[in-house]
Amino acid sequence: MNAEVFMRLAIEEARKSKTPFGAVIVKDNRIVECSHVQLLQSNLSKEQEAKLREDFGS
């Protein structure tokens, strides 16, 4: 396999998600892992979220 094949697999992974991010990890020309972004829903209140942003600077 070549880099183009691996890139196409990463794009296919990205299409499984609502966000355009996918990845294929390759070692010695073999696929080790394929994945895509999986968003988690937060159950934090707006106040808790604001406090975390303040504490961690994001």
Protein backbone atom coordinates (compact mmCIF):
# COMPACT_ATOMS: atom_id res chain seq x y z
CA MET A 1 0.00 0.00 0.00
CA ASN A 2 1.09 3.57 -0.53
CA ALA A 3 0.42 6.86 1.27
CA GLU A 4 -2.55 7.69 -0.98
CA VAL A 5 -4.35 4.50 0.05
CA PHE A 6 -3.79 5.27 3.73
CA MET A 7 -5.00 8.85 3.24
CA ARG A 8 -8.18 7.61 1.56
CA LEU A 9 -8.82 5.35 4.54
CA ALA A 10 -8.38 8.31 6.91
CA ILE A 11 -10.88 10.31 4.85
CA GLU A 12 -13.36 7.42 5.04
CA GLU A 13 -12.94 7.40 8.82
CA ALA A 14 -13.54 11.17 8.96
CA ARG A 15 -16.82 10.73 7.10
CA LYS A 16 -18.10 8.55 9.95
CA SER A 17 -18.10 11.58 12.25
CA LYS A 18 -19.85 14.95 12.31
CA THR A 19 -16.40 16.55 12.36
CA PRO A 20 -13.93 16.21 9.48
CA PHE A 21 -11.16 14.39 11.36
CA GLY A 22 -10.02 10.82 10.77
CA ALA A 23 -6.76 8.99 11.31
CA VAL A 24 -4.95 5.88 10.16
CA ILE A 25 -1.84 4.78 12.05
CA VAL A 26 0.58 2.80 9.90
CA LYS A 27 3.71 0.89 10.93
CA ASP A 28 5.89 -1.09 8.53
CA ASN A 29 3.33 -0.51 5.76
CA ARG A 30 0.57 -2.16 7.84
CA ILE A 31 -2.47 -0.47 9.36
CA VAL A 32 -2.24 -0.49 13.15
CA GLU A 33 -5.36 1.57 13.94
CA CYS A 34 -8.14 3.54 12.22
CA SER A 35 -10.32 6.02 14.05
CA HIS A 36 -12.43 9.18 13.85
CA VAL A 37 -13.39 11.93 16.26
CA GLN A 38 -16.16 11.01 18.65
CA LEU A 39 -17.66 13.97 20.46
CA LEU A 40 -18.86 13.50 24.00
CA GLN A 41 -21.78 15.43 25.38
CA SER A 42 -21.02 17.51 28.44
CA ASN A 43 -23.38 17.54 31.39
CA LEU A 44 -21.66 20.53 32.98
CA SER A 45 -23.68 23.61 33.83
CA LYS A 46 -22.67 26.86 32.15
CA GLU A 47 -21.21 28.00 35.47
CA GLN A 48 -19.11 24.83 35.83
CA GLU A 49 -17.89 25.16 32.25
CA ALA A 50 -16.98 28.84 32.79
CA LYS A 51 -15.06 27.92 35.97
CA LEU A 52 -13.06 25.24 34.10
CA ARG A 53 -12.27 27.68 31.30
CA GLU A 54 -11.14 30.25 33.87
CA ASP A 55 -9.00 27.70 35.74
CA PHE A 56 -7.38 26.19 32.66
CA GLY A 57 -7.26 29.21 30.36
CA SER A 58 -9.23 28.03 27.35
